[in-house]
């Protein structure tokens, strides 16, 4: 599978935990945390952001989005 095709279907997220767990997520896949907070990979654009690629992440509670951000490689979502 080519690198671009791979970027279109999945994103690697490294959670800031004691164990530094690595989580692979596909576009529109969700990861639920305590207090019903959910992280959603909304979209991935491999050629955007100066060619580095970008990912659109959204943090939601049960009822609405709380935070949304578009990140380049190496940026953080807190």
Protein backbone atom coordinates (compact mmCIF):
# COMPACT_ATOMS: atom_id res chain seq x y z
CA UNK A 1 0.00 0.00 0.00
CA UNK A 2 1.44 3.39 -0.90
CA UNK A 3 2.22 5.94 1.82
CA UNK A 4 -0.42 8.39 0.54
CA UNK A 5 -3.13 5.72 0.48
CA UNK A 6 -2.17 4.72 4.02
CA UNK A 7 -2.44 8.33 5.23
CA UNK A 8 -5.90 8.57 3.71
CA UNK A 9 -7.25 5.76 5.85
CA UNK A 10 -5.47 6.04 9.19
CA UNK A 11 -3.76 8.35 11.66
CA UNK A 12 -1.28 7.52 14.43
CA UNK A 13 -2.01 9.27 17.69
CA UNK A 14 0.42 9.10 20.60
CA UNK A 15 -1.46 9.71 23.82
CA UNK A 16 0.33 11.64 26.56
CA UNK A 17 0.06 8.94 29.22
CA UNK A 18 2.57 7.25 31.48
CA UNK A 19 2.73 4.34 29.06
CA UNK A 20 2.83 6.54 25.88
CA UNK A 21 0.24 4.31 24.26
CA UNK A 22 0.07 4.43 20.46
CA UNK A 23 -3.41 4.33 18.96
CA UNK A 24 -4.16 3.82 15.25
CA UNK A 25 -7.43 5.40 14.16
CA UNK A 26 -9.23 5.62 10.82
CA UNK A 27 -11.14 8.61 9.55
CA UNK A 28 -14.45 8.95 11.43
CA UNK A 29 -13.28 6.51 14.09
CA UNK A 30 -13.86 7.50 17.74
CA UNK A 31 -11.95 7.01 20.97
CA UNK A 32 -13.97 7.47 24.18
CA UNK A 33 -12.42 8.63 27.45
CA UNK A 34 -13.75 9.13 30.98
CA UNK A 35 -16.70 11.51 31.50
CA UNK A 36 -18.06 10.55 28.04
CA UNK A 37 -15.47 12.63 26.17
CA UNK A 38 -14.87 11.34 22.65
CA UNK A 39 -12.01 12.11 20.27
CA UNK A 40 -12.97 11.83 16.59
CA UNK A 41 -10.67 11.84 13.55
CA UNK A 42 -12.85 13.95 11.26
CA UNK A 43 -10.60 13.97 8.16
CA UNK A 44 -7.03 13.50 6.92
CA UNK A 45 -5.46 15.49 4.06
CA UNK A 46 -2.02 14.06 3.22
CA UNK A 47 -0.96 16.82 0.77
CA UNK A 48 -2.14 19.84 2.75
CA UNK A 49 -0.13 21.99 5.16
CA UNK A 50 2.91 22.51 2.97
CA UNK A 51 3.00 18.88 1.88
CA UNK A 52 3.31 17.48 5.42
CA UNK A 53 -0.35 16.57 5.64
CA UNK A 54 -2.93 17.62 8.20
CA UNK A 55 -5.48 15.90 10.39
CA UNK A 56 -8.76 17.39 11.65
CA UNK A 57 -9.54 16.26 15.21
CA UNK A 58 -12.65 16.99 17.25
CA UNK A 59 -13.28 16.47 20.97
CA UNK A 60 -16.95 15.92 21.82
CA UNK A 61 -19.07 15.31 24.88
CA UNK A 62 -22.45 13.55 24.77
CA UNK A 63 -24.21 16.53 23.21
CA UNK A 64 -21.88 18.74 21.19
CA UNK A 65 -18.33 19.42 19.96
CA UNK A 66 -16.11 20.97 22.66
CA UNK A 67 -12.97 21.62 20.62
CA UNK A 68 -11.92 21.17 17.01
CA UNK A 69 -8.47 21.65 15.52
CA UNK A 70 -6.53 21.03 12.32
CA UNK A 71 -2.99 19.83 13.07
CA UNK A 72 0.19 19.34 11.08
CA UNK A 73 2.76 16.65 11.81
CA UNK A 74 4.32 17.18 15.25
CA UNK A 75 1.62 19.54 16.58
CA UNK A 76 -0.38 18.78 19.74
CA UNK A 77 -4.09 18.68 20.54
CA UNK A 78 -4.67 19.37 24.24
